[in-house]
Amino acid sequence: MDSDPQARTVEGLRVATSTRVTVDLTDDQVQAVGLPPGRGYQVAGMLLDVEGEPVELPRAVSLTVPIRWLRPTDPPASSSHHDASVRGG
């Protein structure tokens, strides 16, 4: 995460999954389907597997938010707390 002290904003990434996809057409594909060249075409839709079920893909989205929107995370657990998802060596 990067922060810009002058603008008082912070930039980060949000990763989510989506069944939506967008594919840019090449010049050869544009010509093959008879579209006017030079416009930068895209095909947008839903990705399905061979059985017609939606396939989810990860997608990263850049976010810029004011620093004042940020809040501290939950306080750290006490030293007597044992979190099963964290294994020490």
N, C-alpha and C. Protein backbone atom coordinates (compact mmCIF):
# COMPACT_ATOMS: atom_id res chain seq x y z
N MET A 1 0.85 -1.17 0.00
CA MET A 1 0.00 0.00 0.00
C MET A 1 0.90 1.23 0.00
N ASP A 2 0.64 2.18 -0.89
CA ASP A 2 1.41 3.42 -0.96
C ASP A 2 0.57 4.56 -0.42
N SER A 3 1.24 5.52 0.22
CA SER A 3 0.51 6.70 0.69
C SER A 3 1.19 7.94 0.16
N ASP A 4 0.41 8.95 -0.09
CA ASP A 4 0.89 10.23 -0.59
C ASP A 4 0.58 11.27 0.48
N PRO A 5 1.59 11.70 1.28
CA PRO A 5 1.30 12.62 2.38
C PRO A 5 0.78 13.98 1.92
N GLN A 6 1.15 14.41 0.70
CA GLN A 6 0.66 15.69 0.20
C GLN A 6 -0.84 15.63 -0.10
N ALA A 7 -1.26 14.58 -0.76
CA ALA A 7 -2.67 14.44 -1.13
C ALA A 7 -3.49 13.86 0.01
N ARG A 8 -2.79 13.30 1.00
CA ARG A 8 -3.43 12.68 2.15
C ARG A 8 -4.37 11.56 1.72
N THR A 9 -3.87 10.77 0.77
CA THR A 9 -4.61 9.59 0.30
C THR A 9 -3.72 8.37 0.41
N VAL A 10 -4.34 7.23 0.32
CA VAL A 10 -3.61 5.97 0.33
C VAL A 10 -4.13 5.13 -0.83
N GLU A 11 -3.21 4.40 -1.46
CA GLU A 11 -3.59 3.54 -2.58
C GLU A 11 -3.37 2.09 -2.19
N GLY A 12 -4.27 1.26 -2.61
CA GLY A 12 -4.14 -0.16 -2.34
C GLY A 12 -4.86 -0.97 -3.39
N LEU A 13 -4.82 -2.28 -3.23
CA LEU A 13 -5.49 -3.19 -4.15
C LEU A 13 -6.55 -3.98 -3.41
N ARG A 14 -7.66 -4.18 -4.07
CA ARG A 14 -8.72 -5.05 -3.56
C ARG A 14 -8.81 -6.21 -4.53
N VAL A 15 -8.68 -7.42 -4.02
CA VAL A 15 -8.77 -8.60 -4.87
C VAL A 15 -10.10 -9.29 -4.60
N ALA A 16 -10.85 -9.53 -5.66
CA ALA A 16 -12.14 -10.20 -5.57
C ALA A 16 -12.25 -11.18 -6.73
N THR A 17 -13.23 -12.03 -6.69
CA THR A 17 -13.46 -12.93 -7.81
C THR A 17 -14.69 -12.49 -8.59
N SER A 18 -14.69 -12.82 -9.87
CA SER A 18 -15.80 -12.43 -10.73
C SER A 18 -15.93 -13.44 -11.87
N THR A 19 -17.15 -13.62 -12.32
CA THR A 19 -17.39 -14.46 -13.50
C THR A 19 -17.38 -13.62 -14.77
N ARG A 20 -17.30 -12.31 -14.63
CA ARG A 20 -17.29 -11.41 -15.78
C ARG A 20 -15.89 -11.32 -16.37
N VAL A 21 -15.80 -11.33 -17.68
CA VAL A 21 -14.53 -11.20 -18.38
C VAL A 21 -14.66 -10.19 -19.51
N THR A 22 -13.55 -9.59 -19.87
CA THR A 22 -13.47 -8.68 -21.01
C THR A 22 -12.23 -9.05 -21.81
N VAL A 23 -12.40 -9.25 -23.11
CA VAL A 23 -11.31 -9.63 -23.99
C VAL A 23 -11.21 -8.60 -25.10
N ASP A 24 -10.01 -8.03 -25.28
CA ASP A 24 -9.77 -7.10 -26.39
C ASP A 24 -9.61 -7.89 -27.68
N LEU A 25 -10.27 -7.43 -28.74
CA LEU A 25 -10.13 -8.08 -30.04
C LEU A 25 -8.87 -7.59 -30.73
N THR A 26 -8.16 -8.50 -31.38
CA THR A 26 -6.99 -8.13 -32.19
C THR A 26 -7.48 -7.53 -33.50
N ASP A 27 -6.58 -6.88 -34.22
CA ASP A 27 -6.93 -6.32 -35.53
C ASP A 27 -7.40 -7.42 -36.48
N ASP A 28 -6.75 -8.59 -36.42
CA ASP A 28 -7.15 -9.71 -37.28
C ASP A 28 -8.57 -10.18 -36.95
N GLN A 29 -8.92 -10.23 -35.66
CA GLN A 29 -10.27 -10.65 -35.26
C GLN A 29 -11.30 -9.62 -35.70
N VAL A 30 -10.99 -8.34 -35.58
CA VAL A 30 -11.90 -7.27 -36.02
C VAL A 30 -12.16 -7.41 -37.51
N GLN A 31 -11.10 -7.62 -38.27
CA GLN A 31 -11.24 -7.77 -39.72
C GLN A 31 -12.04 -9.03 -40.06
N ALA A 32 -11.80 -10.13 -39.34
CA ALA A 32 -12.48 -11.41 -39.63
C ALA A 32 -13.99 -11.32 -39.44
N VAL A 33 -14.45 -10.49 -38.52
CA VAL A 33 -15.90 -10.38 -38.30
C VAL A 33 -16.50 -9.19 -39.03
N GLY A 34 -15.67 -8.46 -39.79
CA GLY A 34 -16.18 -7.40 -40.65
C GLY A 34 -16.49 -6.09 -39.96
N LEU A 35 -15.85 -5.81 -38.85
CA LEU A 35 -16.07 -4.53 -38.15
C LEU A 35 -15.14 -3.46 -38.70
N PRO A 36 -15.56 -2.20 -38.63
CA PRO A 36 -14.67 -1.12 -39.08
C PRO A 36 -13.40 -1.10 -38.21
N PRO A 37 -12.23 -0.99 -38.82
CA PRO A 37 -10.97 -1.02 -38.06
C PRO A 37 -10.72 0.26 -37.26
N GLY A 38 -9.78 0.13 -36.28
CA GLY A 38 -9.30 1.31 -35.56
C GLY A 38 -10.16 1.80 -34.42
N ARG A 39 -11.07 0.98 -33.91
CA ARG A 39 -11.96 1.45 -32.83
C ARG A 39 -11.67 0.81 -31.48
N GLY A 40 -10.84 -0.23 -31.43
CA GLY A 40 -10.54 -0.87 -30.15
C GLY A 40 -11.71 -1.63 -29.56
N TYR A 41 -12.14 -2.67 -30.20
CA TYR A 41 -13.31 -3.45 -29.76
C TYR A 41 -12.97 -4.39 -28.61
N GLN A 42 -13.99 -4.67 -27.81
CA GLN A 42 -13.89 -5.63 -26.71
C GLN A 42 -15.11 -6.53 -26.73
N VAL A 43 -14.92 -7.76 -26.27
CA VAL A 43 -16.03 -8.68 -26.04
C VAL A 43 -16.14 -8.81 -24.53
N ALA A 44 -17.32 -8.58 -23.97
CA ALA A 44 -17.53 -8.66 -22.52
C ALA A 44 -18.64 -9.66 -22.26
N GLY A 45 -18.48 -10.43 -21.21
CA GLY A 45 -19.51 -11.40 -20.87
C GLY A 45 -19.14 -12.22 -19.66
N MET A 46 -19.75 -13.41 -19.57
CA MET A 46 -19.53 -14.30 -18.45
C MET A 46 -18.74 -15.51 -18.92
N LEU A 47 -17.76 -15.93 -18.13
CA LEU A 47 -16.96 -17.11 -18.45
C LEU A 47 -17.65 -18.35 -17.89
N LEU A 48 -17.92 -19.32 -18.78
CA LEU A 48 -18.58 -20.56 -18.39
C LEU A 48 -17.67 -21.74 -18.68
N ASP A 49 -17.77 -22.79 -17.86
CA ASP A 49 -17.01 -24.00 -18.15
C ASP A 49 -17.77 -24.85 -19.17
N VAL A 50 -17.25 -26.05 -19.51
CA VAL A 50 -17.86 -26.88 -20.54
C VAL A 50 -19.26 -27.36 -20.16
N GLU A 51 -19.59 -27.32 -18.87
CA GLU A 51 -20.91 -27.73 -18.41
C GLU A 51 -21.88 -26.56 -18.27
N GLY A 52 -21.41 -25.36 -18.66
CA GLY A 52 -22.27 -24.18 -18.58
C GLY A 52 -22.30 -23.51 -17.21
N GLU A 53 -21.40 -23.93 -16.34
CA GLU A 53 -21.34 -23.34 -15.00
C GLU A 53 -20.39 -22.14 -14.99
N PRO A 54 -20.73 -21.08 -14.26
CA PRO A 54 -19.85 -19.90 -14.19
C PRO A 54 -18.51 -20.24 -13.56
N VAL A 55 -17.44 -19.66 -14.10
CA VAL A 55 -16.09 -19.83 -13.58
C VAL A 55 -15.67 -18.50 -12.97
N GLU A 56 -15.21 -18.53 -11.72
CA GLU A 56 -14.77 -17.30 -11.06
C GLU A 56 -13.27 -17.13 -11.22
N LEU A 57 -12.86 -15.93 -11.61
CA LEU A 57 -11.45 -15.59 -11.76
C LEU A 57 -11.11 -14.44 -10.80
N PRO A 58 -9.86 -14.41 -10.29
CA PRO A 58 -9.47 -13.28 -9.44
C PRO A 58 -9.34 -12.01 -10.26
N ARG A 59 -9.69 -10.91 -9.66
CA ARG A 59 -9.57 -9.61 -10.31
C ARG A 59 -9.08 -8.61 -9.28
N ALA A 60 -8.02 -7.89 -9.60
CA ALA A 60 -7.48 -6.87 -8.70
C ALA A 60 -7.97 -5.50 -9.17
N VAL A 61 -8.46 -4.71 -8.22
CA VAL A 61 -8.96 -3.38 -8.50
C VAL A 61 -8.17 -2.39 -7.65
N SER A 62 -7.61 -1.37 -8.28
CA SER A 62 -6.87 -0.34 -7.56
C SER A 62 -7.84 0.63 -6.88
N LEU A 63 -7.55 0.96 -5.63
CA LEU A 63 -8.38 1.89 -4.87
C LEU A 63 -7.53 3.04 -4.34
N THR A 64 -8.07 4.24 -4.37
CA THR A 64 -7.44 5.39 -3.73
C THR A 64 -8.48 6.00 -2.80
N VAL A 65 -8.16 6.07 -1.51
CA VAL A 65 -9.10 6.59 -0.53
C VAL A 65 -8.41 7.61 0.36
N PRO A 66 -9.18 8.54 0.94
CA PRO A 66 -8.59 9.48 1.90
C PRO A 66 -8.08 8.75 3.13
N ILE A 67 -6.93 9.18 3.63
CA ILE A 67 -6.36 8.56 4.82
C ILE A 67 -7.34 8.60 5.99
N ARG A 68 -8.14 9.64 6.07
CA ARG A 68 -9.08 9.77 7.20
C ARG A 68 -10.12 8.64 7.23
N TRP A 69 -10.31 7.92 6.13
CA TRP A 69 -11.25 6.81 6.10
C TRP A 69 -10.69 5.56 6.77
N LEU A 70 -9.36 5.49 6.93
CA LEU A 70 -8.74 4.29 7.49
C LEU A 70 -8.95 4.22 8.99
N ARG A 71 -9.16 3.03 9.47
CA ARG A 71 -9.35 2.77 10.90
C ARG A 71 -8.41 1.66 11.32
N PRO A 72 -7.96 1.66 12.57
CA PRO A 72 -7.10 0.57 13.04
C PRO A 72 -7.84 -0.76 12.99
N THR A 73 -7.08 -1.82 12.78
CA THR A 73 -7.68 -3.15 12.83
C THR A 73 -7.97 -3.50 14.28
N ASP A 74 -8.58 -4.65 14.51
CA ASP A 74 -8.86 -5.07 15.87
C ASP A 74 -7.58 -5.06 16.70
N PRO A 75 -7.70 -4.80 18.00
CA PRO A 75 -6.50 -4.81 18.83
C PRO A 75 -5.85 -6.19 18.79
N PRO A 76 -4.52 -6.26 18.94
CA PRO A 76 -3.86 -7.56 18.92
C PRO A 76 -4.35 -8.45 20.06
N ALA A 77 -4.33 -9.74 19.81
CA ALA A 77 -4.76 -10.70 20.83
C ALA A 77 -3.77 -10.70 21.98
N SER A 78 -4.26 -11.06 23.15
CA SER A 78 -3.39 -11.13 24.32
C SER A 78 -2.36 -12.25 24.13
N SER A 79 -1.29 -12.21 24.94
CA SER A 79 -0.23 -13.21 24.82
C SER A 79 -0.73 -14.60 25.19
N SER A 80 -1.84 -14.69 25.91
CA SER A 80 -2.37 -16.01 26.29
C SER A 80 -3.31 -16.58 25.22
N HIS A 81 -3.61 -15.78 24.20
CA HIS A 81 -4.51 -16.21 23.12
C HIS A 81 -3.75 -17.11 22.15
N HIS A 82 -4.35 -18.22 21.77
CA HIS A 82 -3.75 -19.15 20.80
C HIS A 82 -4.66 -19.24 19.59
N ASP A 83 -4.18 -18.75 18.46
CA ASP A 83 -4.94 -18.76 17.22
C ASP A 83 -4.53 -19.98 16.42
N ALA A 84 -5.45 -20.89 16.16
CA ALA A 84 -5.15 -22.13 15.45
C ALA A 84 -4.73 -21.88 14.01
N SER A 85 -5.07 -20.70 13.45
CA SER A 85 -4.69 -20.44 12.06
C SER A 85 -3.25 -19.95 11.94
N VAL A 86 -2.60 -19.66 13.07
CA VAL A 86 -1.21 -19.20 13.06
C VAL A 86 -0.38 -20.24 13.81
N ARG A 87 0.58 -20.80 13.12
CA ARG A 87 1.43 -21.82 13.72
C ARG A 87 2.84 -21.28 13.90
N GLY A 88 3.33 -21.33 15.08
CA GLY A 88 4.71 -20.90 15.34
C GLY A 88 5.67 -22.06 15.18
N GLY A 89 6.97 -21.74 14.96
CA GLY A 89 7.98 -22.77 14.74
C GLY A 89 8.61 -23.25 15.95
